[in-house]
Amino acid sequence: MTTLRFSGLLLRFVDYERTIISHAPVLGDAIAEVEDRFPRLRPILRDGEGRMRATHRVFINGELSRGAGLTTPLHEDDDIEFLTAIAGG
């Protein structure tokens, strides 16, 4: 069981559920499960090509997920956190 955590601006797109459970084998499948449940989330997380938008960071067990991306395998008790970069001046 993998735990997906949402905070900040993303909360309104998952009906303010901070924690969502997934049994998906890879990161992309876990995200797709959440997007199926909360369709408004998909255009916020992904660009027109289906890639994660650069404004979002995905942390798996506290480590920034780089390179492997959506094909990253998930393991029992993984903790995934989504953070949105906010710019301002």
PDB file of N, CA and C in Angstrom:
ATOM      1  N   MET A   1       0.853  -1.178   0.000  1.00  0.00           N
ATOM      2  CA  MET A   1       0.000   0.000   0.000  1.00  0.00           C
ATOM      3  C   MET A   1       0.894   1.235   0.000  1.00  0.00           C
ATOM      4  N   THR A   2       0.674   2.110  -0.962  1.00  0.00           N
ATOM      5  CA  THR A   2       1.421   3.351  -1.094  1.00  0.00           C
ATOM      6  C   THR A   2       0.538   4.510  -0.663  1.00  0.00           C
ATOM      7  N   THR A   3       1.108   5.451   0.051  1.00  0.00           N
ATOM      8  CA  THR A   3       0.380   6.628   0.496  1.00  0.00           C
ATOM      9  C   THR A   3       0.789   7.812  -0.364  1.00  0.00           C
ATOM     10  N   LEU A   4      -0.191   8.474  -0.949  1.00  0.00           N
ATOM     11  CA  LEU A   4       0.039   9.693  -1.720  1.00  0.00           C
ATOM     12  C   LEU A   4      -0.461  10.856  -0.890  1.00  0.00           C
ATOM     13  N   ARG A   5       0.378  11.882  -0.743  1.00  0.00           N
ATOM     14  CA  ARG A   5       0.030  13.032   0.095  1.00  0.00           C
ATOM     15  C   ARG A   5      -0.006  14.307  -0.756  1.00  0.00           C
ATOM     16  N   PHE A   6      -1.069  15.064  -0.564  1.00  0.00           N
ATOM     17  CA  PHE A   6      -1.252  16.316  -1.284  1.00  0.00           C
ATOM     18  C   PHE A   6      -1.355  17.453  -0.279  1.00  0.00           C
ATOM     19  N   SER A   7      -0.840  18.608  -0.666  1.00  0.00           N
ATOM     20  CA  SER A   7      -0.904  19.764   0.227  1.00  0.00           C
ATOM     21  C   SER A   7      -1.003  21.034  -0.605  1.00  0.00           C
ATOM     22  N   GLY A   8      -1.160  22.138   0.079  1.00  0.00           N
ATOM     23  CA  GLY A   8      -1.170  23.437  -0.567  1.00  0.00           C
ATOM     24  C   GLY A   8      -2.233  23.581  -1.637  1.00  0.00           C
ATOM     25  N   LEU A   9      -1.827  24.137  -2.758  1.00  0.00           N
ATOM     26  CA  LEU A   9      -2.747  24.427  -3.854  1.00  0.00           C
ATOM     27  C   LEU A   9      -3.404  23.180  -4.446  1.00  0.00           C
ATOM     28  N   LEU A  10      -2.747  22.035  -4.330  1.00  0.00           N
ATOM     29  CA  LEU A  10      -3.290  20.809  -4.921  1.00  0.00           C
ATOM     30  C   LEU A  10      -4.484  20.246  -4.149  1.00  0.00           C
ATOM     31  N   LEU A  11      -4.623  20.625  -2.901  1.00  0.00           N
ATOM     32  CA  LEU A  11      -5.699  20.061  -2.070  1.00  0.00           C
ATOM     33  C   LEU A  11      -7.088  20.272  -2.665  1.00  0.00           C
ATOM     34  N   ARG A  12      -7.344  21.420  -3.237  1.00  0.00           N
ATOM     35  CA  ARG A  12      -8.688  21.670  -3.765  1.00  0.00           C
ATOM     36  C   ARG A  12      -9.021  20.761  -4.941  1.00  0.00           C
ATOM     37  N   PHE A  13      -8.005  20.214  -5.621  1.00  0.00           N
ATOM     38  CA  PHE A  13      -8.246  19.342  -6.759  1.00  0.00           C
ATOM     39  C   PHE A  13      -8.420  17.879  -6.359  1.00  0.00           C
ATOM     40  N   VAL A  14      -8.213  17.568  -5.084  1.00  0.00           N
ATOM     41  CA  VAL A  14      -8.473  16.222  -4.557  1.00  0.00           C
ATOM     42  C   VAL A  14      -9.509  16.305  -3.431  1.00  0.00           C
ATOM     43  N   ASP A  15     -10.400  17.279  -3.544  1.00  0.00           N
ATOM     44  CA  ASP A  15     -11.472  17.485  -2.564  1.00  0.00           C
ATOM     45  C   ASP A  15     -10.957  17.528  -1.128  1.00  0.00           C
ATOM     46  N   TYR A  16      -9.799  18.136  -0.964  1.00  0.00           N
ATOM     47  CA  TYR A  16      -9.180  18.364   0.348  1.00  0.00           C
ATOM     48  C   TYR A  16      -8.841  17.072   1.092  1.00  0.00           C
ATOM     49  N   GLU A  17      -8.630  15.994   0.351  1.00  0.00           N
ATOM     50  CA  GLU A  17      -8.136  14.748   0.962  1.00  0.00           C
ATOM     51  C   GLU A  17      -6.615  14.808   0.940  1.00  0.00           C
ATOM     52  N   ARG A  18      -6.030  14.953   2.093  1.00  0.00           N
ATOM     53  CA  ARG A  18      -4.580  15.063   2.181  1.00  0.00           C
ATOM     54  C   ARG A  18      -3.874  13.748   1.867  1.00  0.00           C
ATOM     55  N   THR A  19      -4.502  12.632   2.212  1.00  0.00           N
ATOM     56  CA  THR A  19      -3.883  11.320   2.060  1.00  0.00           C
ATOM     57  C   THR A  19      -4.777  10.412   1.233  1.00  0.00           C
ATOM     58  N   ILE A  20      -4.179   9.787   0.217  1.00  0.00           N
ATOM     59  CA  ILE A  20      -4.897   8.851  -0.646  1.00  0.00           C
ATOM     60  C   ILE A  20      -4.048   7.587  -0.756  1.00  0.00           C
ATOM     61  N   ILE A  21      -4.686   6.439  -0.660  1.00  0.00           N
ATOM     62  CA  ILE A  21      -3.997   5.150  -0.693  1.00  0.00           C
ATOM     63  C   ILE A  21      -4.065   4.556  -2.096  1.00  0.00           C
ATOM     64  N   SER A  22      -2.951   3.950  -2.527  1.00  0.00           N
ATOM     65  CA  SER A  22      -2.890   3.287  -3.826  1.00  0.00           C
ATOM     66  C   SER A  22      -2.167   1.947  -3.680  1.00  0.00           C
ATOM     67  N   HIS A  23      -2.528   1.011  -4.552  1.00  0.00           N
ATOM     68  CA  HIS A  23      -1.840  -0.285  -4.609  1.00  0.00           C
ATOM     69  C   HIS A  23      -1.164  -0.463  -5.966  1.00  0.00           C
ATOM     70  N   ALA A  24      -0.961   0.636  -6.687  1.00  0.00           N
ATOM     71  CA  ALA A  24      -0.371   0.593  -8.023  1.00  0.00           C
ATOM     72  C   ALA A  24       1.105   0.187  -7.958  1.00  0.00           C
ATOM     73  N   PRO A  25       1.593  -0.504  -8.995  1.00  0.00           N
ATOM     74  CA  PRO A  25       2.987  -0.961  -8.998  1.00  0.00           C
ATOM     75  C   PRO A  25       4.007   0.108  -9.385  1.00  0.00           C
ATOM     76  N   VAL A  26       3.576   1.148 -10.119  1.00  0.00           N
ATOM     77  CA  VAL A  26       4.508   2.214 -10.528  1.00  0.00           C
ATOM     78  C   VAL A  26       3.870   3.576 -10.279  1.00  0.00           C
ATOM     79  N   LEU A  27       4.713   4.602 -10.194  1.00  0.00           N
ATOM     80  CA  LEU A  27       4.257   5.946  -9.874  1.00  0.00           C
ATOM     81  C   LEU A  27       3.190   6.447 -10.846  1.00  0.00           C
ATOM     82  N   GLY A  28       3.387   6.262 -12.136  1.00  0.00           N
ATOM     83  CA  GLY A  28       2.426   6.730 -13.130  1.00  0.00           C
ATOM     84  C   GLY A  28       1.049   6.127 -12.940  1.00  0.00           C
ATOM     85  N   ASP A  29       0.997   4.850 -12.585  1.00  0.00           N
ATOM     86  CA  ASP A  29      -0.288   4.185 -12.345  1.00  0.00           C
ATOM     87  C   ASP A  29      -0.961   4.732 -11.090  1.00  0.00           C
ATOM     88  N   ALA A  30      -0.175   5.010 -10.066  1.00  0.00           N
ATOM     89  CA  ALA A  30      -0.739   5.565  -8.831  1.00  0.00           C
ATOM     90  C   ALA A  30      -1.335   6.943  -9.094  1.00  0.00           C
ATOM     91  N   ILE A  31      -0.611   7.747  -9.869  1.00  0.00           N
ATOM     92  CA  ILE A  31      -1.120   9.078 -10.207  1.00  0.00           C
ATOM     93  C   ILE A  31      -2.383   8.948 -11.046  1.00  0.00           C
ATOM     94  N   ALA A  32      -2.392   8.022 -12.003  1.00  0.00           N
ATOM     95  CA  ALA A  32      -3.574   7.813 -12.859  1.00  0.00           C
ATOM     96  C   ALA A  32      -4.793   7.409 -12.033  1.00  0.00           C
ATOM     97  N   GLU A  33      -4.591   6.576 -11.009  1.00  0.00           N
ATOM     98  CA  GLU A  33      -5.703   6.193 -10.122  1.00  0.00           C
ATOM     99  C   GLU A  33      -6.319   7.429  -9.466  1.00  0.00           C
ATOM    100  N   VAL A  34      -5.457   8.308  -8.979  1.00  0.00           N
ATOM    101  CA  VAL A  34      -5.935   9.524  -8.317  1.00  0.00           C
ATOM    102  C   VAL A  34      -6.629  10.430  -9.336  1.00  0.00           C
ATOM    103  N   GLU A  35      -6.064  10.543 -10.530  1.00  0.00           N
ATOM    104  CA  GLU A  35      -6.661  11.375 -11.576  1.00  0.00           C
ATOM    105  C   GLU A  35      -8.024  10.832 -12.018  1.00  0.00           C
ATOM    106  N   ASP A  36      -8.164   9.511 -12.044  1.00  0.00           N
ATOM    107  CA  ASP A  36      -9.470   8.920 -12.380  1.00  0.00           C
ATOM    108  C   ASP A  36     -10.508   9.279 -11.317  1.00  0.00           C
ATOM    109  N   ARG A  37     -10.075   9.290 -10.088  1.00  0.00           N
ATOM    110  CA  ARG A  37     -10.977   9.608  -8.976  1.00  0.00           C
ATOM    111  C   ARG A  37     -11.286  11.103  -8.902  1.00  0.00           C
ATOM    112  N   PHE A  38     -10.275  11.918  -9.255  1.00  0.00           N
ATOM    113  CA  PHE A  38     -10.403  13.376  -9.202  1.00  0.00           C
ATOM    114  C   PHE A  38      -9.978  13.951 -10.561  1.00  0.00           C
ATOM    115  N   PRO A  39     -10.852  13.920 -11.572  1.00  0.00           N
ATOM    116  CA  PRO A  39     -10.492  14.318 -12.937  1.00  0.00           C
ATOM    117  C   PRO A  39      -9.957  15.754 -13.068  1.00  0.00           C
ATOM    118  N   ARG A  40     -10.339  16.639 -12.172  1.00  0.00           N
ATOM    119  CA  ARG A  40      -9.835  18.025 -12.252  1.00  0.00           C
ATOM    120  C   ARG A  40      -8.336  18.111 -11.974  1.00  0.00           C
ATOM    121  N   LEU A  41      -7.763  17.078 -11.377  1.00  0.00           N
ATOM    122  CA  LEU A  41      -6.350  17.084 -11.022  1.00  0.00           C
ATOM    123  C   LEU A  41      -5.441  16.912 -12.244  1.00  0.00           C
ATOM    124  N   ARG A  42      -5.862  16.118 -13.223  1.00  0.00           N
ATOM    125  CA  ARG A  42      -4.994  15.783 -14.357  1.00  0.00           C
ATOM    126  C   ARG A  42      -4.434  17.013 -15.078  1.00  0.00           C
ATOM    127  N   PRO A  43      -5.243  17.969 -15.503  1.00  0.00           N
ATOM    128  CA  PRO A  43      -4.650  19.114 -16.210  1.00  0.00           C
ATOM    129  C   PRO A  43      -3.794  20.016 -15.317  1.00  0.00           C
ATOM    130  N   ILE A  44      -3.903  19.841 -14.025  1.00  0.00           N
ATOM    131  CA  ILE A  44      -3.075  20.610 -13.104  1.00  0.00           C
ATOM    132  C   ILE A  44      -1.699  19.946 -12.972  1.00  0.00           C
ATOM    133  N   LEU A  45      -1.682  18.606 -12.856  1.00  0.00           N
ATOM    134  CA  LEU A  45      -0.426  17.875 -12.687  1.00  0.00           C
ATOM    135  C   LEU A  45       0.338  17.678 -13.985  1.00  0.00           C
ATOM    136  N   ARG A  46      -0.382  17.482 -15.101  1.00  0.00           N
ATOM    137  CA  ARG A  46       0.273  17.080 -16.356  1.00  0.00           C
ATOM    138  C   ARG A  46       0.097  18.119 -17.458  1.00  0.00           C
ATOM    139  N   ASP A  47       1.069  18.134 -18.371  1.00  0.00           N
ATOM    140  CA  ASP A  47       0.973  19.016 -19.524  1.00  0.00           C
ATOM    141  C   ASP A  47       0.202  18.305 -20.643  1.00  0.00           C
ATOM    142  N   GLY A  48       0.103  18.921 -21.804  1.00  0.00           N
ATOM    143  CA  GLY A  48      -0.639  18.354 -22.922  1.00  0.00           C
ATOM    144  C   GLY A  48      -0.072  17.054 -23.452  1.00  0.00           C
ATOM    145  N   GLU A  49       1.194  16.769 -23.143  1.00  0.00           N
ATOM    146  CA  GLU A  49       1.849  15.528 -23.576  1.00  0.00           C
ATOM    147  C   GLU A  49       1.726  14.422 -22.522  1.00  0.00           C
ATOM    148  N   GLY A  50       1.114  14.726 -21.386  1.00  0.00           N
ATOM    149  CA  GLY A  50       0.965  13.732 -20.322  1.00  0.00           C
ATOM    150  C   GLY A  50       2.124  13.683 -19.342  1.00  0.00           C
ATOM    151  N   ARG A  51       3.096  14.576 -19.508  1.00  0.00           N
ATOM    152  CA  ARG A  51       4.232  14.626 -18.580  1.00  0.00           C
ATOM    153  C   ARG A  51       3.874  15.489 -17.370  1.00  0.00           C
ATOM    154  N   MET A  52       4.533  15.206 -16.266  1.00  0.00           N
ATOM    155  CA  MET A  52       4.335  16.032 -15.071  1.00  0.00           C
ATOM    156  C   MET A  52       4.801  17.452 -15.368  1.00  0.00           C
ATOM    157  N   ARG A  53       4.004  18.419 -14.954  1.00  0.00           N
ATOM    158  CA  ARG A  53       4.386  19.819 -15.143  1.00  0.00           C
ATOM    159  C   ARG A  53       5.610  20.146 -14.284  1.00  0.00           C
ATOM    160  N   ALA A  54       6.439  21.029 -14.800  1.00  0.00           N
ATOM    161  CA  ALA A  54       7.684  21.401 -14.117  1.00  0.00           C
ATOM    162  C   ALA A  54       7.441  22.100 -12.787  1.00  0.00           C
ATOM    163  N   THR A  55       6.237  22.632 -12.581  1.00  0.00           N
ATOM    164  CA  THR A  55       5.947  23.338 -11.337  1.00  0.00           C
ATOM    165  C   THR A  55       5.711  22.403 -10.156  1.00  0.00           C
ATOM    166  N   HIS A  56       5.607  21.105 -10.424  1.00  0.00           N
ATOM    167  CA  HIS A  56       5.337  20.138  -9.356  1.00  0.00           C
ATOM    168  C   HIS A  56       6.576  19.296  -9.080  1.00  0.00           C
ATOM    169  N   ARG A  57       6.762  18.996  -7.824  1.00  0.00           N
ATOM    170  CA  ARG A  57       7.844  18.112  -7.397  1.00  0.00           C
ATOM    171  C   ARG A  57       7.221  16.915  -6.715  1.00  0.00           C
ATOM    172  N   VAL A  58       7.781  15.745  -7.011  1.00  0.00           N
ATOM    173  CA  VAL A  58       7.295  14.508  -6.423  1.00  0.00           C
ATOM    174  C   VAL A  58       8.419  13.939  -5.563  1.00  0.00           C
ATOM    175  N   PHE A  59       8.106  13.688  -4.304  1.00  0.00           N
ATOM    176  CA  PHE A  59       9.062  13.108  -3.374  1.00  0.00           C
ATOM    177  C   PHE A  59       8.590  11.707  -3.004  1.00  0.00           C
ATOM    178  N   ILE A  60       9.492  10.742  -3.110  1.00  0.00           N
ATOM    179  CA  ILE A  60       9.186   9.374  -2.707  1.00  0.00           C
ATOM    180  C   ILE A  60      10.043   9.066  -1.492  1.00  0.00           C
ATOM    181  N   ASN A  61       9.389   8.795  -0.383  1.00  0.00           N
ATOM    182  CA  ASN A  61      10.075   8.539   0.890  1.00  0.00           C
ATOM    183  C   ASN A  61      11.059   9.656   1.234  1.00  0.00           C
ATOM    184  N   GLY A  62      10.634  10.899   0.984  1.00  0.00           N
ATOM    185  CA  GLY A  62      11.438  12.050   1.339  1.00  0.00           C
ATOM    186  C   GLY A  62      12.513  12.426   0.339  1.00  0.00           C
ATOM    187  N   GLU A  63      12.684  11.630  -0.731  1.00  0.00           N
ATOM    188  CA  GLU A  63      13.704  11.903  -1.743  1.00  0.00           C
ATOM    189  C   GLU A  63      13.045  12.431  -3.007  1.00  0.00           C
ATOM    190  N   LEU A  64      13.594  13.504  -3.559  1.00  0.00           N
ATOM    191  CA  LEU A  64      13.072  14.068  -4.790  1.00  0.00           C
ATOM    192  C   LEU A  64      13.198  13.043  -5.906  1.00  0.00           C
ATOM    193  N   SER A  65      12.100  12.769  -6.584  1.00  0.00           N
ATOM    194  CA  SER A  65      12.091  11.809  -7.688  1.00  0.00           C
ATOM    195  C   SER A  65      12.563  12.522  -8.948  1.00  0.00           C
ATOM    196  N   ARG A  66      13.711  12.126  -9.449  1.00  0.00           N
ATOM    197  CA  ARG A  66      14.264  12.724 -10.671  1.00  0.00           C
ATOM    198  C   ARG A  66      14.583  11.612 -11.660  1.00  0.00           C
ATOM    199  N   GLY A  67      14.496  11.937 -12.913  1.00  0.00           N
ATOM    200  CA  GLY A  67      14.945  11.002 -13.937  1.00  0.00           C
ATOM    201  C   GLY A  67      13.971   9.885 -14.255  1.00  0.00           C
ATOM    202  N   ALA A  68      13.748   8.964 -13.326  1.00  0.00           N
ATOM    203  CA  ALA A  68      12.917   7.793 -13.606  1.00  0.00           C
ATOM    204  C   ALA A  68      11.470   8.179 -13.879  1.00  0.00           C
ATOM    205  N   GLY A  69      10.996   9.195 -13.174  1.00  0.00           N
ATOM    206  CA  GLY A  69       9.665   9.717 -13.426  1.00  0.00           C
ATOM    207  C   GLY A  69       8.526   8.743 -13.211  1.00  0.00           C
ATOM    208  N   LEU A  70       7.596   8.721 -14.160  1.00  0.00           N
ATOM    209  CA  LEU A  70       6.350   7.985 -13.997  1.00  0.00           C
ATOM    210  C   LEU A  70       6.530   6.473 -14.013  1.00  0.00           C
ATOM    211  N   THR A  71       7.691   5.986 -14.451  1.00  0.00           N
ATOM    212  CA  THR A  71       7.929   4.538 -14.471  1.00  0.00           C
ATOM    213  C   THR A  71       8.599   4.042 -13.190  1.00  0.00           C
ATOM    214  N   THR A  72       8.773   4.926 -12.219  1.00  0.00           N
ATOM    215  CA  THR A  72       9.407   4.551 -10.957  1.00  0.00           C
ATOM    216  C   THR A  72       8.598   3.468 -10.262  1.00  0.00           C
ATOM    217  N   PRO A  73       9.214   2.310  -9.964  1.00  0.00           N
ATOM    218  CA  PRO A  73       8.484   1.255  -9.249  1.00  0.00           C
ATOM    219  C   PRO A  73       8.166   1.691  -7.817  1.00  0.00           C
ATOM    220  N   LEU A  74       7.010   1.257  -7.344  1.00  0.00           N
ATOM    221  CA  LEU A  74       6.606   1.547  -5.970  1.00  0.00           C
ATOM    222  C   LEU A  74       6.670   0.280  -5.138  1.00  0.00           C
ATOM    223  N   HIS A  75       6.930   0.465  -3.863  1.00  0.00           N
ATOM    224  CA  HIS A  75       7.043  -0.660  -2.934  1.00  0.00           C
ATOM    225  C   HIS A  75       6.068  -0.485  -1.786  1.00  0.00           C
ATOM    226  N   GLU A  76       5.830  -1.562  -1.091  1.00  0.00           N
ATOM    227  CA  GLU A  76       4.948  -1.541   0.077  1.00  0.00           C
ATOM    228  C   GLU A  76       5.416  -0.447   1.032  1.00  0.00           C
ATOM    229  N   ASP A  77       4.483   0.343   1.515  1.00  0.00           N
ATOM    230  CA  ASP A  77       4.738   1.399   2.495  1.00  0.00           C
ATOM    231  C   ASP A  77       5.500   2.608   1.956  1.00  0.00           C
ATOM    232  N   ASP A  78       5.582   2.762   0.615  1.00  0.00           N
ATOM    233  CA  ASP A  78       6.176   3.985   0.073  1.00  0.00           C
ATOM    234  C   ASP A  78       5.280   5.170   0.401  1.00  0.00           C
ATOM    235  N   ASP A  79       5.906   6.308   0.586  1.00  0.00           N
ATOM    236  CA  ASP A  79       5.201   7.543   0.895  1.00  0.00           C
ATOM    237  C   ASP A  79       5.537   8.545  -0.206  1.00  0.00           C
ATOM    238  N   ILE A  80       4.520   8.995  -0.935  1.00  0.00           N
ATOM    239  CA  ILE A  80       4.717   9.915  -2.048  1.00  0.00           C
ATOM    240  C   ILE A  80       4.078  11.243  -1.695  1.00  0.00           C
ATOM    241  N   GLU A  81       4.851  12.302  -1.851  1.00  0.00           N
ATOM    242  CA  GLU A  81       4.330  13.636  -1.544  1.00  0.00           C
ATOM    243  C   GLU A  81       4.459  14.525  -2.769  1.00  0.00           C
ATOM    244  N   PHE A  82       3.405  15.259  -3.060  1.00  0.00           N
ATOM    245  CA  PHE A  82       3.360  16.184  -4.188  1.00  0.00           C
ATOM    246  C   PHE A  82       3.454  17.607  -3.653  1.00  0.00           C
ATOM    247  N   LEU A  83       4.424  18.357  -4.154  1.00  0.00           N
ATOM    248  CA  LEU A  83       4.592  19.757  -3.753  1.00  0.00           C
ATOM    249  C   LEU A  83       4.583  20.629  -5.005  1.00  0.00           C
ATOM    250  N   THR A  84       4.032  21.800  -4.873  1.00  0.00           N
ATOM    251  CA  THR A  84       3.964  22.736  -5.984  1.00  0.00           C
ATOM    252  C   THR A  84       4.882  23.915  -5.692  1.00  0.00           C
ATOM    253  N   ALA A  85       5.742  24.211  -6.667  1.00  0.00           N
ATOM    254  CA  ALA A  85       6.621  25.369  -6.536  1.00  0.00           C
ATOM    255  C   ALA A  85       5.797  26.632  -6.743  1.00  0.00           C
ATOM    256  N   ILE A  86       6.021  27.599  -5.896  1.00  0.00           N
ATOM    257  CA  ILE A  86       5.297  28.864  -5.986  1.00  0.00           C
ATOM    258  C   ILE A  86       6.322  29.972  -6.149  1.00  0.00           C
ATOM    259  N   ALA A  87       6.117  30.778  -7.167  1.00  0.00           N
ATOM    260  CA  ALA A  87       7.027  31.901  -7.415  1.00  0.00           C
ATOM    261  C   ALA A  87       6.338  33.201  -7.035  1.00  0.00           C
ATOM    262  N   GLY A  88       7.119  34.135  -6.691  1.00  0.00           N
ATOM    263  CA  GLY A  88       6.550  35.439  -6.341  1.00  0.00           C
ATOM    264  C   GLY A  88       7.647  36.481  -6.280  1.00  0.00           C
ATOM    265  N   GLY A  89       7.228  37.658  -6.091  1.00  0.00           N
ATOM    266  CA  GLY A  89       8.247  38.701  -6.079  1.00  0.00           C
ATOM    267  C   GLY A  89       7.967  39.738  -5.048  1.00  0.00           C
TER     268      GLY A  89
END
